[in-house]
Amino acid sequence: MELNDWLTILGALGGLEAIKWIVNFYVNRKTDARKEDAAADAAENENERKQVAWLEERIAQRDAKIDAIYVELRQEQAEKLQLIHDKHELELKLKEAEIKKCDVRGCSSRQPPSDY
């Protein structure tokens, strides 16, 4: 192929703009590769930030739910403690009544044997 054939092919492919593009591509290929890598890294970082934000939101929701469950648990525990306290009071009153009980026949008007 002669020089004339090369110029014809080059003219058909875009002429001077094709030469500029080839030179620009050859000179800036490393820079363009770094820019593409940086863009890909930025996209990955953005996706990870979104995922972290979503996970933090889910953790906050679960923490709120756990706090609500703990409040309910503490209320139930307080109720059970109150029931235990009431039961012990009744047991004490029962023991008191047993001590004051009169076992002698016909003692409906008699004073109990103790002064408790």
Protein backbone atom coordinates (compact mmCIF):
# COMPACT_ATOMS: atom_id res chain seq x y z
CA MET A 1 0.00 0.00 0.00
CA GLU A 2 1.20 3.37 -0.89
CA LEU A 3 0.92 6.61 0.99
CA ASN A 4 -2.00 7.65 -1.17
CA ASP A 5 -3.96 4.55 -0.11
CA TRP A 6 -3.26 5.28 3.56
CA LEU A 7 -4.43 8.86 3.18
CA THR A 8 -7.61 7.68 1.46
CA ILE A 9 -8.39 5.22 4.26
CA LEU A 10 -7.60 7.85 6.86
CA GLY A 11 -9.83 10.38 5.11
CA ALA A 12 -12.66 7.86 4.99
CA LEU A 13 -12.34 7.21 8.73
CA GLY A 14 -12.61 10.86 9.70
CA GLY A 15 -9.49 12.62 8.59
CA LEU A 16 -7.79 14.95 11.02
CA GLU A 17 -10.33 14.24 13.77
CA ALA A 18 -9.44 10.53 13.61
CA ILE A 19 -5.77 11.39 14.04
CA LYS A 20 -6.58 13.68 16.98
CA TRP A 21 -8.70 10.97 18.58
CA ILE A 22 -5.98 8.30 18.15
CA VAL A 23 -3.29 10.60 19.58
CA ASN A 24 -5.57 11.68 22.44
CA PHE A 25 -6.47 8.07 23.20
CA TYR A 26 -2.81 7.00 23.21
CA VAL A 27 -1.63 9.92 25.35
CA ASN A 28 -4.50 9.85 27.89
CA ARG A 29 -5.15 6.13 28.17
CA LYS A 30 -3.67 5.83 31.69
CA THR A 31 -5.43 8.96 32.92
CA ASP A 32 -8.76 7.78 31.50
CA ALA A 33 -8.29 4.38 33.13
CA ARG A 34 -7.65 6.06 36.50
CA LYS A 35 -10.73 8.25 36.04
CA GLU A 36 -12.86 5.19 35.28
CA ASP A 37 -11.45 3.38 38.31
CA ALA A 38 -12.15 6.41 40.49
CA ALA A 39 -15.72 6.63 39.19
CA ALA A 40 -16.23 2.93 39.87
CA ASP A 41 -14.79 3.30 43.38
CA ALA A 42 -17.04 6.29 44.05
CA ALA A 43 -20.09 4.32 42.94
CA GLU A 44 -19.10 1.40 45.19
CA ASN A 45 -18.53 3.76 48.12
CA GLU A 46 -21.93 5.37 47.58
CA ASN A 47 -23.61 1.96 47.52
CA GLU A 48 -21.82 0.98 50.72
CA ARG A 49 -22.87 4.27 52.38
CA LYS A 50 -26.47 3.63 51.41
CA GLN A 51 -26.27 0.08 52.74
CA VAL A 52 -24.72 1.26 56.02
CA ALA A 53 -27.42 3.93 56.40
CA TRP A 54 -30.13 1.33 55.79
CA LEU A 55 -28.56 -1.04 58.32
CA GLU A 56 -28.26 1.74 60.90
CA GLU A 57 -31.93 2.56 60.39
CA ARG A 58 -32.87 -1.11 60.88
CA ILE A 59 -30.76 -1.27 64.05
CA ALA A 60 -32.46 1.87 65.37
CA GLN A 61 -35.87 0.32 64.68
CA ARG A 62 -34.89 -2.89 66.46
CA ASP A 63 -33.48 -0.94 69.40
CA ALA A 64 -36.77 0.93 69.73
CA LYS A 65 -38.67 -2.36 69.61
CA ILE A 66 -36.38 -3.90 72.24
CA ASP A 67 -36.83 -0.85 74.46
CA ALA A 68 -40.62 -1.20 74.19
CA ILE A 69 -40.37 -4.90 75.08
CA TYR A 70 -38.18 -4.07 78.09
CA VAL A 71 -40.74 -1.51 79.30
CA GLU A 72 -43.46 -4.16 79.04
CA LEU A 73 -41.23 -6.68 80.85
CA ARG A 74 -40.56 -4.25 83.71
CA GLN A 75 -44.29 -3.58 84.07
CA GLU A 76 -45.02 -7.31 84.26
CA GLN A 77 -42.25 -7.77 86.82
CA ALA A 78 -43.65 -4.92 88.92
CA GLU A 79 -47.11 -6.49 88.81
CA LYS A 80 -45.71 -9.86 89.89
CA LEU A 81 -43.78 -8.25 92.75
CA GLN A 82 -46.95 -6.49 93.88
CA LEU A 83 -48.84 -9.81 93.80
CA ILE A 84 -46.08 -11.45 95.85
CA HIS A 85 -46.22 -8.57 98.33
CA ASP A 86 -50.02 -8.88 98.63
CA LYS A 87 -49.75 -12.65 99.07
CA HIS A 88 -47.23 -12.25 101.88
CA GLU A 89 -49.47 -9.72 103.61
CA LEU A 90 -52.36 -12.17 103.45
CA GLU A 91 -50.16 -14.97 104.80
CA LEU A 92 -49.14 -12.76 107.70
CA LYS A 93 -52.80 -11.96 108.45
CA LEU A 94 -53.60 -15.70 108.30
CA LYS A 95 -50.81 -16.51 110.77
CA GLU A 96 -52.05 -13.71 113.02
CA ALA A 97 -55.58 -15.13 112.88
CA GLU A 98 -54.30 -18.60 113.72
CA ILE A 99 -52.49 -17.27 116.75
CA LYS A 100 -55.58 -15.37 117.97
CA LYS A 101 -57.91 -18.33 117.35
CA CYS A 102 -59.82 -19.64 120.35
CA ASP A 103 -60.13 -23.44 120.36
CA VAL A 104 -62.24 -23.73 123.51
CA ARG A 105 -65.97 -24.60 123.07
CA GLY A 106 -68.42 -21.81 123.63
CA CYS A 107 -65.88 -19.06 123.54
CA SER A 108 -67.60 -16.77 121.08
CA SER A 109 -67.55 -13.88 123.56
CA ARG A 110 -64.20 -14.77 125.09
CA GLN A 111 -61.02 -12.82 124.41
CA PRO A 112 -58.31 -14.63 122.42
CA PRO A 113 -55.60 -16.24 124.53
CA SER A 114 -52.90 -13.85 123.29
CA ASP A 115 -52.54 -10.10 123.23
CA TYR A 116 -50.87 -9.87 119.86
